[in-house]
PDB file of N, CA and C in Angstrom:
ATOM      1  N   UNK A   1      74.080 104.131  92.940  1.00  0.00           N
ATOM      2  CA  UNK A   1      73.875 103.008  93.197  1.00  0.00           C
ATOM      3  C   UNK A   1      75.386 102.439  93.878  1.00  0.00           C
ATOM      4  N   UNK A   2      76.009 102.304  92.501  1.00  0.00           N
ATOM      5  CA  UNK A   2      77.502 101.382  92.270  1.00  0.00           C
ATOM      6  C   UNK A   2      77.846 101.529  93.696  1.00  0.00           C
ATOM      7  N   UNK A   3      78.077 102.980  93.722  1.00  0.00           N
ATOM      8  CA  UNK A   3      78.998 103.633  94.802  1.00  0.00           C
ATOM      9  C   UNK A   3      78.559 102.963  96.258  1.00  0.00           C
ATOM     10  N   UNK A   4      77.475 103.334  96.885  1.00  0.00           N
ATOM     11  CA  UNK A   4      76.921 102.513  97.698  1.00  0.00           C
ATOM     12  C   UNK A   4      76.997 100.830  98.051  1.00  0.00           C
ATOM     13  N   UNK A   5      77.277 100.747  97.303  1.00  0.00           N
ATOM     14  CA  UNK A   5      77.293  98.772  96.983  1.00  0.00           C
ATOM     15  C   UNK A   5      78.574  98.567  97.754  1.00  0.00           C
ATOM     16  N   UNK A   6      79.245  99.234  96.736  1.00  0.00           N
ATOM     17  CA  UNK A   6      81.219  99.148  96.389  1.00  0.00           C
ATOM     18  C   UNK A   6      81.371  99.152  98.422  1.00  0.00           C
ATOM     19  N   UNK A   7      80.640 100.224  98.974  1.00  0.00           N
ATOM     20  CA  UNK A   7      80.735 100.798 100.175  1.00  0.00           C
ATOM     21  C   UNK A   7      80.232  99.877 101.466  1.00  0.00           C
ATOM     22  N   UNK A   8      79.329  99.046 101.076  1.00  0.00           N
ATOM     23  CA  UNK A   8      78.859  97.957 101.819  1.00  0.00           C
ATOM     24  C   UNK A   8      79.276  96.900 101.791  1.00  0.00           C
ATOM     25  N   UNK A   9      79.839  96.562 100.540  1.00  0.00           N
ATOM     26  CA  UNK A   9      80.823  95.708 101.227  1.00  0.00           C
ATOM     27  C   UNK A   9      82.428  95.677 101.209  1.00  0.00           C
ATOM     28  N   UNK A  10      82.741  96.600 101.347  1.00  0.00           N
ATOM     29  CA  UNK A  10      83.849  97.398 102.156  1.00  0.00           C
ATOM     30  C   UNK A  10      83.410  96.956 103.223  1.00  0.00           C
ATOM     31  N   UNK A  11      82.593  97.564 104.067  1.00  0.00           N
ATOM     32  CA  UNK A  11      82.343  97.823 105.447  1.00  0.00           C
ATOM     33  C   UNK A  11      81.737  96.373 106.131  1.00  0.00           C
ATOM     34  N   UNK A  12      81.493  95.772 105.131  1.00  0.00           N
ATOM     35  CA  UNK A  12      81.429  93.998 105.746  1.00  0.00           C
ATOM     36  C   UNK A  12      82.090  93.274 105.915  1.00  0.00           C
ATOM     37  N   UNK A  13      82.851  93.282 104.359  1.00  0.00           N
ATOM     38  CA  UNK A  13      84.212  92.639 104.391  1.00  0.00           C
ATOM     39  C   UNK A  13      85.026  93.080 105.508  1.00  0.00           C
ATOM     40  N   UNK A  14      85.584  94.345 105.948  1.00  0.00           N
ATOM     41  CA  UNK A  14      86.768  94.722 107.046  1.00  0.00           C
ATOM     42  C   UNK A  14      85.945  93.733 108.237  1.00  0.00           C
ATOM     43  N   UNK A  15      84.596  94.161 108.401  1.00  0.00           N
ATOM     44  CA  UNK A  15      84.259  93.572 109.736  1.00  0.00           C
ATOM     45  C   UNK A  15      84.321  92.207 110.265  1.00  0.00           C
ATOM     46  N   UNK A  16      84.159  91.647 108.896  1.00  0.00           N
ATOM     47  CA  UNK A  16      84.111  89.959 108.597  1.00  0.00           C
ATOM     48  C   UNK A  16      85.777  89.611 109.490  1.00  0.00           C
ATOM     49  N   UNK A  17      86.606  90.603 108.529  1.00  0.00           N
ATOM     50  CA  UNK A  17      88.047  90.223 108.385  1.00  0.00           C
ATOM     51  C   UNK A  17      88.350  90.466 110.085  1.00  0.00           C
ATOM     52  N   UNK A  18      88.131  91.688 110.448  1.00  0.00           N
ATOM     53  CA  UNK A  18      88.432  91.928 112.246  1.00  0.00           C
ATOM     54  C   UNK A  18      87.786  90.886 112.713  1.00  0.00           C
ATOM     55  N   UNK A  19      86.490  90.603 112.772  1.00  0.00           N
ATOM     56  CA  UNK A  19      86.042  89.666 113.495  1.00  0.00           C
ATOM     57  C   UNK A  19      86.749  88.262 113.864  1.00  0.00           C
ATOM     58  N   UNK A  20      87.706  87.601 112.068  1.00  0.00           N
ATOM     59  CA  UNK A  20      88.410  86.776 112.667  1.00  0.00           C
ATOM     60  C   UNK A  20      89.890  86.716 112.546  1.00  0.00           C
ATOM     61  N   UNK A  21      90.200  88.033 112.240  1.00  0.00           N
ATOM     62  CA  UNK A  21      91.804  88.565 112.741  1.00  0.00           C
ATOM     63  C   UNK A  21      91.490  88.554 114.321  1.00  0.00           C
ATOM     64  N   UNK A  22      90.337  89.081 114.594  1.00  0.00           N
ATOM     65  CA  UNK A  22      90.226  88.823 116.305  1.00  0.00           C
ATOM     66  C   UNK A  22      90.477  87.746 117.061  1.00  0.00           C
ATOM     67  N   UNK A  23      90.012  86.940 116.587  1.00  0.00           N
ATOM     68  CA  UNK A  23      89.124  85.318 116.996  1.00  0.00           C
ATOM     69  C   UNK A  23      91.309  84.181 116.842  1.00  0.00           C
ATOM     70  N   UNK A  24      91.609  85.112 115.849  1.00  0.00           N
ATOM     71  CA  UNK A  24      93.392  84.335 115.339  1.00  0.00           C
ATOM     72  C   UNK A  24      94.011  84.561 116.734  1.00  0.00           C
ATOM     73  N   UNK A  25      93.835  85.971 116.710  1.00  0.00           N
ATOM     74  CA  UNK A  25      94.982  86.854 117.776  1.00  0.00           C
ATOM     75  C   UNK A  25      94.557  86.541 119.841  1.00  0.00           C
ATOM     76  N   UNK A  26      93.126  86.404 119.455  1.00  0.00           N
ATOM     77  CA  UNK A  26      92.615  86.296 121.000  1.00  0.00           C
ATOM     78  C   UNK A  26      92.158  84.738 121.654  1.00  0.00           C
ATOM     79  N   UNK A  27      91.310  84.380 120.654  1.00  0.00           N
ATOM     80  CA  UNK A  27      90.870  82.443 121.037  1.00  0.00           C
ATOM     81  C   UNK A  27      91.200  81.642 120.577  1.00  0.00           C
ATOM     82  N   UNK A  28      92.465  81.548 120.000  1.00  0.00           N
ATOM     83  CA  UNK A  28      92.812  80.402 119.120  1.00  0.00           C
ATOM     84  C   UNK A  28      94.183  79.880 120.038  1.00  0.00           C
ATOM     85  N   UNK A  29      94.654  78.841 119.665  1.00  0.00           N
ATOM     86  CA  UNK A  29      96.131  78.075 120.073  1.00  0.00           C
ATOM     87  C   UNK A  29      96.655  79.362 120.127  1.00  0.00           C
ATOM     88  N   UNK A  30      97.891  78.890 121.352  1.00  0.00           N
ATOM     89  CA  UNK A  30      99.177  79.926 121.278  1.00  0.00           C
ATOM     90  C   UNK A  30      99.911  79.883 120.278  1.00  0.00           C
ATOM     91  N   UNK A  31     100.064  78.969 119.733  1.00  0.00           N
ATOM     92  CA  UNK A  31     101.461  78.583 118.233  1.00  0.00           C
ATOM     93  C   UNK A  31     100.514  79.266 117.036  1.00  0.00           C
ATOM     94  N   UNK A  32      99.120  79.210 116.976  1.00  0.00           N
ATOM     95  CA  UNK A  32      98.192  80.023 115.922  1.00  0.00           C
ATOM     96  C   UNK A  32      98.410  81.555 116.239  1.00  0.00           C
ATOM     97  N   UNK A  33      98.432  81.804 117.772  1.00  0.00           N
ATOM     98  CA  UNK A  33      98.694  83.589 117.799  1.00  0.00           C
ATOM     99  C   UNK A  33      99.904  83.778 117.673  1.00  0.00           C
ATOM    100  N   UNK A  34     101.112  83.685 117.854  1.00  0.00           N
ATOM    101  CA  UNK A  34     102.283  83.585 117.431  1.00  0.00           C
ATOM    102  C   UNK A  34     102.488  83.764 115.972  1.00  0.00           C
ATOM    103  N   UNK A  35     102.232  82.969 115.070  1.00  0.00           N
ATOM    104  CA  UNK A  35     102.171  83.123 114.000  1.00  0.00           C
ATOM    105  C   UNK A  35     101.511  84.340 113.187  1.00  0.00           C
ATOM    106  N   UNK A  36     100.092  84.303 113.963  1.00  0.00           N
ATOM    107  CA  UNK A  36      99.220  85.896 113.388  1.00  0.00           C
ATOM    108  C   UNK A  36     100.333  86.801 113.704  1.00  0.00           C
ATOM    109  N   UNK A  37     100.496  86.928 115.074  1.00  0.00           N
ATOM    110  CA  UNK A  37     101.072  88.190 115.363  1.00  0.00           C
ATOM    111  C   UNK A  37     102.782  88.460 114.244  1.00  0.00           C
ATOM    112  N   UNK A  38     103.603  87.225 114.104  1.00  0.00           N
ATOM    113  CA  UNK A  38     104.495  87.250 113.776  1.00  0.00           C
ATOM    114  C   UNK A  38     104.180  87.818 112.262  1.00  0.00           C
ATOM    115  N   UNK A  39     103.401  86.875 111.240  1.00  0.00           N
ATOM    116  CA  UNK A  39     102.780  87.588 110.440  1.00  0.00           C
ATOM    117  C   UNK A  39     102.461  89.300 110.077  1.00  0.00           C
ATOM    118  N   UNK A  40     101.661  89.741 111.407  1.00  0.00           N
ATOM    119  CA  UNK A  40     101.086  90.686 111.190  1.00  0.00           C
ATOM    120  C   UNK A  40     102.166  91.651 111.257  1.00  0.00           C
ATOM    121  N   UNK A  41     103.494  91.294 112.166  1.00  0.00           N
ATOM    122  CA  UNK A  41     104.487  92.437 112.500  1.00  0.00           C
ATOM    123  C   UNK A  41     105.556  92.602 111.038  1.00  0.00           C
ATOM    124  N   UNK A  42     105.603  91.244 110.592  1.00  0.00           N
ATOM    125  CA  UNK A  42     106.043  91.091 109.152  1.00  0.00           C
ATOM    126  C   UNK A  42     105.611  92.538 108.437  1.00  0.00           C
ATOM    127  N   UNK A  43     104.490  92.408 108.046  1.00  0.00           N
ATOM    128  CA  UNK A  43     103.734  92.599 107.268  1.00  0.00           C
ATOM    129  C   UNK A  43     103.526  94.025 107.124  1.00  0.00           C
ATOM    130  N   UNK A  44     103.703  94.743 108.564  1.00  0.00           N
ATOM    131  CA  UNK A  44     103.879  96.566 108.649  1.00  0.00           C
ATOM    132  C   UNK A  44     105.045  96.241 108.733  1.00  0.00           C
ATOM    133  N   UNK A  45     106.523  96.005 109.137  1.00  0.00           N
ATOM    134  CA  UNK A  45     107.660  96.305 108.686  1.00  0.00           C
ATOM    135  C   UNK A  45     107.439  95.957 107.209  1.00  0.00           C
ATOM    136  N   UNK A  46     107.498  95.564 106.843  1.00  0.00           N
ATOM    137  CA  UNK A  46     107.917  94.705 105.124  1.00  0.00           C
ATOM    138  C   UNK A  46     107.430  96.358 104.622  1.00  0.00           C
ATOM    139  N   UNK A  47     105.828  97.119 105.004  1.00  0.00           N
ATOM    140  CA  UNK A  47     105.072  98.396 104.493  1.00  0.00           C
ATOM    141  C   UNK A  47     106.025  99.457 104.978  1.00  0.00           C
ATOM    142  N   UNK A  48     106.648  99.157 105.380  1.00  0.00           N
ATOM    143  CA  UNK A  48     106.984 100.535 105.978  1.00  0.00           C
ATOM    144  C   UNK A  48     108.719 100.696 105.093  1.00  0.00           C
ATOM    145  N   UNK A  49     109.524  99.528 104.991  1.00  0.00           N
ATOM    146  CA  UNK A  49     110.892  99.095 104.047  1.00  0.00           C
ATOM    147  C   UNK A  49     110.468  99.693 103.155  1.00  0.00           C
ATOM    148  N   UNK A  50     109.081  99.030 102.495  1.00  0.00           N
ATOM    149  CA  UNK A  50     109.196  99.571 101.117  1.00  0.00           C
ATOM    150  C   UNK A  50     108.651 101.139 100.668  1.00  0.00           C
ATOM    151  N   UNK A  51     108.096 101.484 101.886  1.00  0.00           N
ATOM    152  CA  UNK A  51     107.744 103.112 101.548  1.00  0.00           C
ATOM    153  C   UNK A  51     108.897 103.549 101.808  1.00  0.00           C
ATOM    154  N   UNK A  52     109.996 103.231 102.247  1.00  0.00           N
ATOM    155  CA  UNK A  52     111.135 104.474 102.963  1.00  0.00           C
ATOM    156  C   UNK A  52     111.775 103.550 101.547  1.00  0.00           C
ATOM    157  N   UNK A  53     112.045 102.954 100.923  1.00  0.00           N
ATOM    158  CA  UNK A  53     112.482 101.993  99.481  1.00  0.00           C
ATOM    159  C   UNK A  53     112.396 103.388  98.409  1.00  0.00           C
ATOM    160  N   UNK A  54     110.679 103.653  98.322  1.00  0.00           N
ATOM    161  CA  UNK A  54     110.205 104.386  97.597  1.00  0.00           C
ATOM    162  C   UNK A  54     110.507 105.383  97.276  1.00  0.00           C
ATOM    163  N   UNK A  55     110.128 105.885  98.563  1.00  0.00           N
ATOM    164  CA  UNK A  55     110.935 107.250  98.675  1.00  0.00           C
ATOM    165  C   UNK A  55     112.598 107.694  98.592  1.00  0.00           C
ATOM    166  N   UNK A  56     113.354 106.651  98.662  1.00  0.00           N
ATOM    167  CA  UNK A  56     114.555 107.004  98.460  1.00  0.00           C
ATOM    168  C   UNK A  56     114.874 106.950  96.929  1.00  0.00           C
ATOM    169  N   UNK A  57     114.333 106.088  95.879  1.00  0.00           N
ATOM    170  CA  UNK A  57     114.188 105.634  95.052  1.00  0.00           C
ATOM    171  C   UNK A  57     113.741 107.179  93.904  1.00  0.00           C
ATOM    172  N   UNK A  58     113.072 107.762  94.397  1.00  0.00           N
ATOM    173  CA  UNK A  58     112.351 109.075  94.266  1.00  0.00           C
ATOM    174  C   UNK A  58     113.754 110.260  93.785  1.00  0.00           C
ATOM    175  N   UNK A  59     113.591 110.089  95.281  1.00  0.00           N
ATOM    176  CA  UNK A  59     115.433 111.035  95.610  1.00  0.00           C
ATOM    177  C   UNK A  59     116.266 111.120  94.997  1.00  0.00           C
ATOM    178  N   UNK A  60     116.512 109.182  94.621  1.00  0.00           N
ATOM    179  CA  UNK A  60     118.009 108.811  93.785  1.00  0.00           C
ATOM    180  C   UNK A  60     117.379 108.984  92.043  1.00  0.00           C
ATOM    181  N   UNK A  61     116.202 109.323  91.589  1.00  0.00           N
ATOM    182  CA  UNK A  61     115.875 109.961  90.190  1.00  0.00           C
ATOM    183  C   UNK A  61     115.920 111.276  89.750  1.00  0.00           C
ATOM    184  N   UNK A  62     115.473 111.815  91.085  1.00  0.00           N
ATOM    185  CA  UNK A  62     115.385 113.188  90.951  1.00  0.00           C
ATOM    186  C   UNK A  62     116.235 113.881  90.173  1.00  0.00           C
ATOM    187  N   UNK A  63     116.217 114.731  89.031  1.00  0.00           N
ATOM    188  CA  UNK A  63     117.380 115.694  88.535  1.00  0.00           C
ATOM    189  C   UNK A  63     117.633 116.347  89.750  1.00  0.00           C
ATOM    190  N   UNK A  64     119.336 116.878  90.210  1.00  0.00           N
ATOM    191  CA  UNK A  64     119.523 117.621  90.846  1.00  0.00           C
ATOM    192  C   UNK A  64     120.106 118.646  89.927  1.00  0.00           C
ATOM    193  N   UNK A  65     118.881 120.540  90.521  1.00  0.00           N
ATOM    194  CA  UNK A  65     119.091 121.185  89.561  1.00  0.00           C
ATOM    195  C   UNK A  65     120.122 122.416  90.329  1.00  0.00           C
ATOM    196  N   UNK A  66     120.979 123.327  89.650  1.00  0.00           N
ATOM    197  CA  UNK A  66     121.708 124.309  90.722  1.00  0.00           C
ATOM    198  C   UNK A  66     120.937 125.487  90.219  1.00  0.00           C
ATOM    199  N   UNK A  67     120.949 126.293  91.235  1.00  0.00           N
ATOM    200  CA  UNK A  67     120.613 127.732  91.200  1.00  0.00           C
ATOM    201  C   UNK A  67     120.368 128.181  89.837  1.00  0.00           C
ATOM    202  N   UNK A  68     121.346 127.910  89.242  1.00  0.00           N
ATOM    203  CA  UNK A  68     121.610 128.218  87.874  1.00  0.00           C
ATOM    204  C   UNK A  68     120.865 128.597  86.802  1.00  0.00           C
ATOM    205  N   UNK A  69     120.247 127.172  87.216  1.00  0.00           N
ATOM    206  CA  UNK A  69     119.384 126.259  85.748  1.00  0.00           C
ATOM    207  C   UNK A  69     118.372 126.131  86.252  1.00  0.00           C
ATOM    208  N   UNK A  70     117.857 126.929  87.699  1.00  0.00           N
ATOM    209  CA  UNK A  70     116.120 127.316  87.800  1.00  0.00           C
ATOM    210  C   UNK A  70     115.912 128.739  87.566  1.00  0.00           C
ATOM    211  N   UNK A  71     117.035 129.225  88.089  1.00  0.00           N
ATOM    212  CA  UNK A  71     117.063 130.854  87.178  1.00  0.00           C
ATOM    213  C   UNK A  71     116.471 131.091  85.981  1.00  0.00           C
ATOM    214  N   UNK A  72     117.607 129.335  85.003  1.00  0.00           N
ATOM    215  CA  UNK A  72     117.545 130.081  83.300  1.00  0.00           C
ATOM    216  C   UNK A  72     115.584 129.258  83.503  1.00  0.00           C
ATOM    217  N   UNK A  73     115.501 128.365  83.591  1.00  0.00           N
ATOM    218  CA  UNK A  73     114.143 127.845  82.978  1.00  0.00           C
ATOM    219  C   UNK A  73     112.837 128.821  83.641  1.00  0.00           C
ATOM    220  N   UNK A  74     113.128 129.941  84.929  1.00  0.00           N
ATOM    221  CA  UNK A  74     112.143 130.317  85.196  1.00  0.00           C
ATOM    222  C   UNK A  74     111.950 131.438  84.140  1.00  0.00           C
ATOM    223  N   UNK A  75     113.893 131.502  83.229  1.00  0.00           N
ATOM    224  CA  UNK A  75     113.807 132.734  82.276  1.00  0.00           C
ATOM    225  C   UNK A  75     112.699 132.460  81.408  1.00  0.00           C
ATOM    226  N   UNK A  76     113.132 131.341  81.211  1.00  0.00           N
ATOM    227  CA  UNK A  76     112.737 131.118  79.951  1.00  0.00           C
ATOM    228  C   UNK A  76     111.136 130.768  79.673  1.00  0.00           C
ATOM    229  N   UNK A  77     110.210 130.156  81.203  1.00  0.00           N
ATOM    230  CA  UNK A  77     109.151 130.405  81.148  1.00  0.00           C
ATOM    231  C   UNK A  77     108.708 131.766  81.057  1.00  0.00           C
ATOM    232  N   UNK A  78     109.145 132.331  81.686  1.00  0.00           N
ATOM    233  CA  UNK A  78     108.621 133.833  81.404  1.00  0.00           C
ATOM    234  C   UNK A  78     108.693 134.358  80.213  1.00  0.00           C
ATOM    235  N   UNK A  79     109.853 134.295  79.843  1.00  0.00           N
ATOM    236  CA  UNK A  79     109.917 134.933  78.257  1.00  0.00           C
ATOM    237  C   UNK A  79     108.509 134.197  77.507  1.00  0.00           C
ATOM    238  N   UNK A  80     108.134 133.043  77.258  1.00  0.00           N
ATOM    239  CA  UNK A  80     107.330 132.211  76.381  1.00  0.00           C
ATOM    240  C   UNK A  80     106.288 133.127  76.915  1.00  0.00           C
ATOM    241  N   UNK A  81     105.811 133.149  78.281  1.00  0.00           N
ATOM    242  CA  UNK A  81     104.470 133.701  78.488  1.00  0.00           C
ATOM    243  C   UNK A  81     104.532 135.136  78.023  1.00  0.00           C
ATOM    244  N   UNK A  82     105.657 135.902  77.991  1.00  0.00           N
ATOM    245  CA  UNK A  82     105.357 137.009  77.545  1.00  0.00           C
ATOM    246  C   UNK A  82     104.929 136.555  75.967  1.00  0.00           C
ATOM    247  N   UNK A  83     105.961 135.827  75.009  1.00  0.00           N
ATOM    248  CA  UNK A  83     105.254 135.753  73.725  1.00  0.00           C
ATOM    249  C   UNK A  83     104.193 135.586  73.600  1.00  0.00           C
ATOM    250  N   UNK A  84     103.560 135.373  74.695  1.00  0.00           N
ATOM    251  CA  UNK A  84     102.114 134.775  74.650  1.00  0.00           C
ATOM    252  C   UNK A  84     101.194 135.831  74.392  1.00  0.00           C
ATOM    253  N   UNK A  85     101.665 136.503  75.340  1.00  0.00           N
ATOM    254  CA  UNK A  85     101.047 137.880  75.801  1.00  0.00           C
ATOM    255  C   UNK A  85     100.930 138.935  74.622  1.00  0.00           C
ATOM    256  N   UNK A  86     101.900 139.372  73.814  1.00  0.00           N
ATOM    257  CA  UNK A  86     102.148 140.469  72.652  1.00  0.00           C
ATOM    258  C   UNK A  86     100.908 139.633  71.640  1.00  0.00           C
ATOM    259  N   UNK A  87     100.978 138.441  71.149  1.00  0.00           N
ATOM    260  CA  UNK A  87     100.491 137.834  70.679  1.00  0.00           C
ATOM    261  C   UNK A  87      99.076 138.511  70.463  1.00  0.00           C
TER     262      UNK A  87
END
């Protein structure tokens, strides 16, 4: 029941928001239309830039392994599994 209530609330609030946004974008004064567009575009560009920043941060913080280190880790993992199978 709670899941359906949350779903209905999300659908209702989205419909109200889109109605309000449509009013601001098409039926309000020109200056308010400009501000609405500026805020919308700024928000989208900010979200895009933040996403790129997080991807870059992930690349920066991820340790780089050489192929030799990868082989050693695989060998250690396989050796550990073989020991468990022998028991």
